[in-house]
Amino acid sequence: MLQRIQTVYMLVVLLMSGILPFLFSVYSTASGAVFAHQEMMLLVLFLISALLAIMAIVLFKNRKLQFVLNRLNIIFNLTLLGVFVYRLLTLSGEAQVSEKGIGMFLPIISIVFLVMANKAIKKDEDLVKSVDRLR
């Protein structure tokens, strides 16, 4: 259902993982800006995160599976964040002048919205369980 708040949160995650990495640079070197679609591992991780967000949106009737998919998406975003931290530590040196782009913060924002979506899903699930108790 598109009127539930967790769907809005997952749409933001879809925007963060599916569209914005192609618009904002991940980092810049002396040779130019590097976008997510220029490196295969970053592209695959961003696309898996976007695909998991789409799957979670479509599976709105199965809240438990939606919750699990969001947790899996959090793990992929943490992996992506780990790749970015590794690149930060190995990229900066005296041979190359590097500048960090806004694309490095996209997984952090995605994780925040996924946690908020999971809280809303948990709240819905608790509401359904409390109504079932009354029957």
N, C-alpha and C. Protein backbone atom coordinates (compact mmCIF):
# COMPACT_ATOMS: atom_id res chain seq x y z
N MET A 1 0.82 -1.17 0.00
CA MET A 1 0.00 0.00 0.00
C MET A 1 0.88 1.24 0.00
N LEU A 2 0.59 2.13 -0.88
CA LEU A 2 1.42 3.32 -0.99
C LEU A 2 1.11 4.38 0.06
N GLN A 3 0.00 4.26 0.78
CA GLN A 3 -0.31 5.28 1.76
C GLN A 3 0.37 5.03 3.10
N ARG A 4 1.02 3.89 3.29
CA ARG A 4 1.70 3.63 4.55
C ARG A 4 3.06 4.33 4.56
N ILE A 5 3.48 4.74 5.74
CA ILE A 5 4.70 5.54 5.86
C ILE A 5 5.94 4.75 5.51
N GLN A 6 5.94 3.43 5.79
CA GLN A 6 7.13 2.64 5.47
C GLN A 6 7.35 2.55 3.97
N THR A 7 6.28 2.62 3.19
CA THR A 7 6.44 2.63 1.73
C THR A 7 7.12 3.91 1.28
N VAL A 8 6.78 5.01 1.90
CA VAL A 8 7.43 6.28 1.58
C VAL A 8 8.92 6.21 1.93
N TYR A 9 9.22 5.63 3.09
CA TYR A 9 10.63 5.49 3.48
C TYR A 9 11.38 4.60 2.48
N MET A 10 10.75 3.53 2.04
CA MET A 10 11.43 2.65 1.09
C MET A 10 11.55 3.29 -0.29
N LEU A 11 10.61 4.17 -0.65
CA LEU A 11 10.74 4.91 -1.90
C LEU A 11 11.94 5.87 -1.84
N VAL A 12 12.18 6.45 -0.67
CA VAL A 12 13.36 7.30 -0.49
C VAL A 12 14.63 6.47 -0.63
N VAL A 13 14.62 5.25 -0.07
CA VAL A 13 15.78 4.36 -0.19
C VAL A 13 15.99 3.99 -1.66
N LEU A 14 14.90 3.75 -2.37
CA LEU A 14 15.01 3.45 -3.80
C LEU A 14 15.61 4.62 -4.55
N LEU A 15 15.22 5.83 -4.21
CA LEU A 15 15.79 7.02 -4.82
C LEU A 15 17.28 7.14 -4.48
N MET A 16 17.63 6.89 -3.21
CA MET A 16 19.02 6.99 -2.78
C MET A 16 19.91 5.94 -3.43
N SER A 17 19.37 4.75 -3.67
CA SER A 17 20.19 3.66 -4.20
C SER A 17 20.09 3.52 -5.71
N GLY A 18 18.98 3.91 -6.28
CA GLY A 18 18.77 3.66 -7.70
C GLY A 18 19.06 4.82 -8.62
N ILE A 19 18.89 6.05 -8.13
CA ILE A 19 19.02 7.20 -9.02
C ILE A 19 20.18 8.12 -8.65
N LEU A 20 20.27 8.47 -7.37
CA LEU A 20 21.26 9.46 -6.94
C LEU A 20 22.73 9.05 -7.14
N PRO A 21 23.09 7.76 -7.06
CA PRO A 21 24.51 7.42 -7.30
C PRO A 21 24.98 7.73 -8.72
N PHE A 22 24.03 7.85 -9.64
CA PHE A 22 24.40 8.18 -11.01
C PHE A 22 24.48 9.69 -11.23
N LEU A 23 23.94 10.47 -10.31
CA LEU A 23 23.95 11.92 -10.43
C LEU A 23 25.07 12.58 -9.63
N PHE A 24 25.38 12.02 -8.46
CA PHE A 24 26.41 12.60 -7.60
C PHE A 24 27.67 11.74 -7.64
N SER A 25 28.82 12.40 -7.61
CA SER A 25 30.08 11.66 -7.63
C SER A 25 30.36 11.03 -6.27
N VAL A 26 31.03 9.88 -6.32
CA VAL A 26 31.40 9.20 -5.09
C VAL A 26 32.66 9.82 -4.52
N TYR A 27 33.62 10.03 -5.37
CA TYR A 27 34.83 10.74 -4.98
C TYR A 27 35.47 11.32 -6.23
N SER A 28 36.39 12.24 -6.02
CA SER A 28 37.09 12.88 -7.13
C SER A 28 38.58 12.68 -6.97
N THR A 29 39.23 12.46 -8.07
CA THR A 29 40.69 12.36 -8.06
C THR A 29 41.24 13.48 -8.94
N ALA A 30 42.53 13.48 -9.13
CA ALA A 30 43.15 14.49 -9.97
C ALA A 30 42.70 14.33 -11.43
N SER A 31 42.32 13.10 -11.82
CA SER A 31 41.90 12.86 -13.20
C SER A 31 40.42 13.15 -13.42
N GLY A 32 39.64 13.38 -12.38
CA GLY A 32 38.22 13.72 -12.54
C GLY A 32 37.34 13.03 -11.52
N ALA A 33 36.06 13.28 -11.65
CA ALA A 33 35.08 12.72 -10.71
C ALA A 33 34.80 11.26 -11.06
N VAL A 34 34.60 10.45 -10.03
CA VAL A 34 34.27 9.03 -10.20
C VAL A 34 32.84 8.83 -9.71
N PHE A 35 32.00 8.30 -10.60
CA PHE A 35 30.61 8.02 -10.26
C PHE A 35 30.47 6.53 -9.98
N ALA A 36 29.33 6.15 -9.41
CA ALA A 36 29.11 4.76 -9.01
C ALA A 36 29.06 3.83 -10.21
N HIS A 37 28.56 4.31 -11.35
CA HIS A 37 28.45 3.43 -12.51
C HIS A 37 29.79 3.19 -13.21
N GLN A 38 30.83 3.87 -12.79
CA GLN A 38 32.14 3.67 -13.38
C GLN A 38 32.91 2.54 -12.70
N GLU A 39 32.48 2.11 -11.54
CA GLU A 39 33.13 0.99 -10.84
C GLU A 39 32.10 -0.11 -10.64
N MET A 40 32.45 -1.30 -11.07
CA MET A 40 31.50 -2.41 -11.12
C MET A 40 30.98 -2.81 -9.74
N MET A 41 31.84 -2.88 -8.74
CA MET A 41 31.41 -3.33 -7.41
C MET A 41 30.43 -2.33 -6.80
N LEU A 42 30.70 -1.03 -6.95
CA LEU A 42 29.79 -0.02 -6.42
C LEU A 42 28.45 -0.07 -7.14
N LEU A 43 28.49 -0.25 -8.45
CA LEU A 43 27.27 -0.34 -9.24
C LEU A 43 26.41 -1.52 -8.82
N VAL A 44 27.04 -2.67 -8.63
CA VAL A 44 26.31 -3.88 -8.24
C VAL A 44 25.68 -3.71 -6.86
N LEU A 45 26.42 -3.16 -5.90
CA LEU A 45 25.89 -2.99 -4.55
C LEU A 45 24.74 -1.98 -4.52
N PHE A 46 24.88 -0.89 -5.25
CA PHE A 46 23.79 0.09 -5.31
C PHE A 46 22.55 -0.50 -5.98
N LEU A 47 22.74 -1.27 -7.06
CA LEU A 47 21.60 -1.86 -7.75
C LEU A 47 20.93 -2.95 -6.92
N ILE A 48 21.70 -3.74 -6.18
CA ILE A 48 21.10 -4.75 -5.29
C ILE A 48 20.28 -4.05 -4.21
N SER A 49 20.77 -2.96 -3.68
CA SER A 49 20.03 -2.21 -2.68
C SER A 49 18.73 -1.66 -3.25
N ALA A 50 18.78 -1.13 -4.47
CA ALA A 50 17.57 -0.62 -5.12
C ALA A 50 16.59 -1.74 -5.41
N LEU A 51 17.09 -2.89 -5.84
CA LEU A 51 16.23 -4.03 -6.14
C LEU A 51 15.54 -4.55 -4.87
N LEU A 52 16.28 -4.61 -3.77
CA LEU A 52 15.68 -5.03 -2.51
C LEU A 52 14.62 -4.04 -2.03
N ALA A 53 14.83 -2.75 -2.28
CA ALA A 53 13.82 -1.76 -1.91
C ALA A 53 12.56 -1.93 -2.75
N ILE A 54 12.72 -2.21 -4.04
CA ILE A 54 11.55 -2.46 -4.91
C ILE A 54 10.81 -3.70 -4.46
N MET A 55 11.54 -4.76 -4.16
CA MET A 55 10.90 -5.99 -3.71
C MET A 55 10.13 -5.76 -2.40
N ALA A 56 10.71 -4.99 -1.48
CA ALA A 56 10.04 -4.73 -0.22
C ALA A 56 8.79 -3.89 -0.42
N ILE A 57 8.82 -2.97 -1.36
CA ILE A 57 7.64 -2.15 -1.64
C ILE A 57 6.53 -3.01 -2.23
N VAL A 58 6.88 -3.89 -3.15
CA VAL A 58 5.88 -4.72 -3.82
C VAL A 58 5.27 -5.75 -2.86
N LEU A 59 6.05 -6.24 -1.92
CA LEU A 59 5.57 -7.25 -0.98
C LEU A 59 4.94 -6.62 0.26
N PHE A 60 4.05 -5.65 0.06
CA PHE A 60 3.48 -4.94 1.20
C PHE A 60 2.49 -5.79 1.99
N LYS A 61 1.97 -6.86 1.40
CA LYS A 61 1.02 -7.71 2.13
C LYS A 61 1.73 -8.65 3.11
N ASN A 62 2.96 -8.98 2.85
CA ASN A 62 3.73 -9.87 3.71
C ASN A 62 4.72 -9.03 4.52
N ARG A 63 4.28 -8.55 5.67
CA ARG A 63 5.09 -7.63 6.46
C ARG A 63 6.35 -8.27 7.02
N LYS A 64 6.28 -9.55 7.36
CA LYS A 64 7.46 -10.22 7.92
C LYS A 64 8.57 -10.32 6.87
N LEU A 65 8.20 -10.68 5.63
CA LEU A 65 9.19 -10.75 4.56
C LEU A 65 9.72 -9.36 4.21
N GLN A 66 8.85 -8.37 4.29
CA GLN A 66 9.26 -6.99 4.05
C GLN A 66 10.30 -6.56 5.09
N PHE A 67 10.08 -6.94 6.33
CA PHE A 67 11.01 -6.63 7.41
C PHE A 67 12.37 -7.29 7.16
N VAL A 68 12.34 -8.57 6.74
CA VAL A 68 13.58 -9.31 6.49
C VAL A 68 14.33 -8.70 5.29
N LEU A 69 13.60 -8.32 4.25
CA LEU A 69 14.25 -7.70 3.09
C LEU A 69 14.90 -6.37 3.45
N ASN A 70 14.26 -5.62 4.32
CA ASN A 70 14.86 -4.37 4.76
C ASN A 70 16.12 -4.60 5.59
N ARG A 71 16.11 -5.63 6.41
CA ARG A 71 17.33 -5.96 7.17
C ARG A 71 18.46 -6.39 6.24
N LEU A 72 18.12 -7.16 5.22
CA LEU A 72 19.12 -7.57 4.23
C LEU A 72 19.65 -6.35 3.48
N ASN A 73 18.76 -5.41 3.19
CA ASN A 73 19.17 -4.17 2.52
C ASN A 73 20.09 -3.36 3.42
N ILE A 74 19.84 -3.36 4.72
CA ILE A 74 20.73 -2.67 5.65
C ILE A 74 22.13 -3.30 5.61
N ILE A 75 22.18 -4.63 5.52
CA ILE A 75 23.47 -5.32 5.45
C ILE A 75 24.22 -4.94 4.17
N PHE A 76 23.50 -4.87 3.04
CA PHE A 76 24.14 -4.47 1.79
C PHE A 76 24.63 -3.02 1.85
N ASN A 77 23.86 -2.15 2.49
CA ASN A 77 24.30 -0.76 2.62
C ASN A 77 25.49 -0.64 3.57
N LEU A 78 25.55 -1.47 4.61
CA LEU A 78 26.73 -1.48 5.47
C LEU A 78 27.96 -1.99 4.72
N THR A 79 27.76 -2.98 3.86
CA THR A 79 28.86 -3.47 3.01
C THR A 79 29.34 -2.37 2.08
N LEU A 80 28.39 -1.66 1.49
CA LEU A 80 28.74 -0.54 0.61
C LEU A 80 29.49 0.54 1.37
N LEU A 81 29.06 0.80 2.58
CA LEU A 81 29.75 1.77 3.42
C LEU A 81 31.16 1.30 3.75
N GLY A 82 31.32 0.00 4.00
CA GLY A 82 32.65 -0.56 4.24
C GLY A 82 33.56 -0.42 3.03
N VAL A 83 33.01 -0.62 1.84
CA VAL A 83 33.80 -0.43 0.61
C VAL A 83 34.23 1.01 0.48
N PHE A 84 33.32 1.93 0.81
CA PHE A 84 33.68 3.35 0.74
C PHE A 84 34.77 3.71 1.75
N VAL A 85 34.69 3.18 2.95
CA VAL A 85 35.71 3.45 3.96
C VAL A 85 37.05 2.88 3.52
N TYR A 86 37.02 1.69 2.94
CA TYR A 86 38.26 1.09 2.43
C TYR A 86 38.85 1.97 1.33
N ARG A 87 38.01 2.44 0.43
CA ARG A 87 38.50 3.32 -0.64
C ARG A 87 39.04 4.63 -0.09
N LEU A 88 38.40 5.16 0.95
CA LEU A 88 38.90 6.38 1.56
C LEU A 88 40.29 6.19 2.14
N LEU A 89 40.51 5.04 2.77
CA LEU A 89 41.80 4.80 3.40
C LEU A 89 42.89 4.50 2.40
N THR A 90 42.53 3.90 1.27
CA THR A 90 43.56 3.56 0.28
C THR A 90 43.70 4.61 -0.80
N LEU A 91 42.72 5.47 -0.98
CA LEU A 91 42.77 6.45 -2.06
C LEU A 91 43.65 7.64 -1.72
N SER A 92 43.50 8.14 -0.51
CA SER A 92 44.22 9.36 -0.18
C SER A 92 45.70 9.08 -0.04
N GLY A 93 46.46 9.81 -0.76
CA GLY A 93 47.91 9.67 -0.72
C GLY A 93 48.52 10.89 -1.36
N GLU A 94 49.82 10.93 -1.40
CA GLU A 94 50.46 12.10 -1.96
C GLU A 94 50.51 12.05 -3.47
N ALA A 95 50.34 10.88 -4.06
CA ALA A 95 50.38 10.80 -5.52
C ALA A 95 49.10 11.34 -6.14
N GLN A 96 47.96 11.14 -5.46
CA GLN A 96 46.69 11.62 -5.98
C GLN A 96 46.04 12.56 -4.98
N VAL A 97 45.47 13.61 -5.50
CA VAL A 97 44.70 14.50 -4.66
C VAL A 97 43.26 14.02 -4.75
N SER A 98 42.68 13.63 -3.63
CA SER A 98 41.33 13.08 -3.65
C SER A 98 40.38 13.99 -2.88
N GLU A 99 39.16 13.98 -3.34
CA GLU A 99 38.11 14.74 -2.69
C GLU A 99 36.89 13.85 -2.58
N LYS A 100 36.33 13.77 -1.39
CA LYS A 100 35.21 12.87 -1.16
C LYS A 100 33.93 13.54 -1.66
N GLY A 101 33.10 12.76 -2.36
CA GLY A 101 31.87 13.29 -2.90
C GLY A 101 30.67 13.01 -2.01
N ILE A 102 29.55 13.58 -2.38
CA ILE A 102 28.33 13.40 -1.59
C ILE A 102 27.79 11.98 -1.74
N GLY A 103 28.20 11.27 -2.77
CA GLY A 103 27.74 9.90 -2.99
C GLY A 103 28.16 8.94 -1.89
N MET A 104 29.17 9.29 -1.12
CA MET A 104 29.61 8.42 -0.03
C MET A 104 28.64 8.43 1.13
N PHE A 105 27.80 9.45 1.23
CA PHE A 105 26.85 9.53 2.34
C PHE A 105 25.51 8.89 2.02
N LEU A 106 25.30 8.47 0.78
CA LEU A 106 24.02 7.86 0.39
C LEU A 106 23.71 6.58 1.16
N PRO A 107 24.68 5.67 1.40
CA PRO A 107 24.34 4.48 2.20
C PRO A 107 23.95 4.80 3.64
N ILE A 108 24.52 5.84 4.22
CA ILE A 108 24.18 6.21 5.59
C ILE A 108 22.73 6.68 5.65
N ILE A 109 22.34 7.52 4.69
CA ILE A 109 20.97 8.01 4.65
C ILE A 109 20.01 6.86 4.38
N SER A 110 20.40 5.94 3.51
CA SER A 110 19.56 4.78 3.21
C SER A 110 19.36 3.91 4.45
N ILE A 111 20.41 3.72 5.22
CA ILE A 111 20.30 2.91 6.44
C ILE A 111 19.34 3.56 7.43
N VAL A 112 19.41 4.87 7.56
CA VAL A 112 18.51 5.58 8.48
C VAL A 112 17.05 5.38 8.05
N PHE A 113 16.77 5.52 6.76
CA PHE A 113 15.40 5.35 6.28
C PHE A 113 14.94 3.90 6.36
N LEU A 114 15.84 2.95 6.17
CA LEU A 114 15.47 1.54 6.32
C LEU A 114 15.13 1.20 7.77
N VAL A 115 15.87 1.77 8.71
CA VAL A 115 15.57 1.54 10.12
C VAL A 115 14.21 2.15 10.47
N MET A 116 13.92 3.34 9.95
CA MET A 116 12.62 3.95 10.20
C MET A 116 11.49 3.14 9.57
N ALA A 117 11.74 2.57 8.38
CA ALA A 117 10.73 1.72 7.74
C ALA A 117 10.50 0.45 8.55
N ASN A 118 11.56 -0.13 9.08
CA ASN A 118 11.40 -1.34 9.90
C ASN A 118 10.64 -1.04 11.19
N LYS A 119 10.85 0.13 11.77
CA LYS A 119 10.08 0.49 12.96
C LYS A 119 8.60 0.62 12.62
N ALA A 120 8.29 1.20 11.47
CA ALA A 120 6.89 1.35 11.07
C ALA A 120 6.26 -0.01 10.74
N ILE A 121 7.02 -0.91 10.13
CA ILE A 121 6.52 -2.25 9.84
C ILE A 121 6.25 -2.99 11.14
N LYS A 122 7.16 -2.88 12.09
CA LYS A 122 6.98 -3.52 13.40
C LYS A 122 5.75 -2.97 14.10
N LYS A 123 5.53 -1.68 14.00
CA LYS A 123 4.36 -1.05 14.60
C LYS A 123 3.07 -1.59 13.96
N ASP A 124 3.05 -1.71 12.63
CA ASP A 124 1.89 -2.29 11.94
C ASP A 124 1.65 -3.74 12.37
N GLU A 125 2.72 -4.49 12.45
CA GLU A 125 2.60 -5.90 12.83
C GLU A 125 2.06 -6.03 14.26
N ASP A 126 2.52 -5.19 15.17
CA ASP A 126 2.01 -5.21 16.53
C ASP A 126 0.53 -4.81 16.58
N LEU A 127 0.13 -3.86 15.75
CA LEU A 127 -1.26 -3.44 15.69
C LEU A 127 -2.16 -4.57 15.20
N VAL A 128 -1.71 -5.30 14.18
CA VAL A 128 -2.48 -6.42 13.66
C VAL A 128 -2.58 -7.53 14.71
N LYS A 129 -1.51 -7.80 15.43
CA LYS A 129 -1.54 -8.83 16.48
C LYS A 129 -2.47 -8.43 17.62
N SER A 130 -2.51 -7.16 17.95
CA SER A 130 -3.40 -6.74 19.04
C SER A 130 -4.87 -6.82 18.61
N VAL A 131 -5.15 -6.56 17.37
CA VAL A 131 -6.53 -6.70 16.87
C VAL A 131 -6.93 -8.17 16.81
N ASP A 132 -6.00 -9.03 16.44
CA ASP A 132 -6.30 -10.46 16.41
C ASP A 132 -6.60 -11.03 17.80
N ARG A 133 -5.98 -10.46 18.83
CA ARG A 133 -6.23 -10.90 20.18
C ARG A 133 -7.66 -10.61 20.64
N LEU A 134 -8.23 -9.55 20.11
CA LEU A 134 -9.56 -9.17 20.51
C LEU A 134 -10.65 -10.04 19.91
N ARG A 135 -10.35 -10.75 18.87
CA ARG A 135 -11.35 -11.58 18.20
C ARG A 135 -11.66 -12.82 18.96
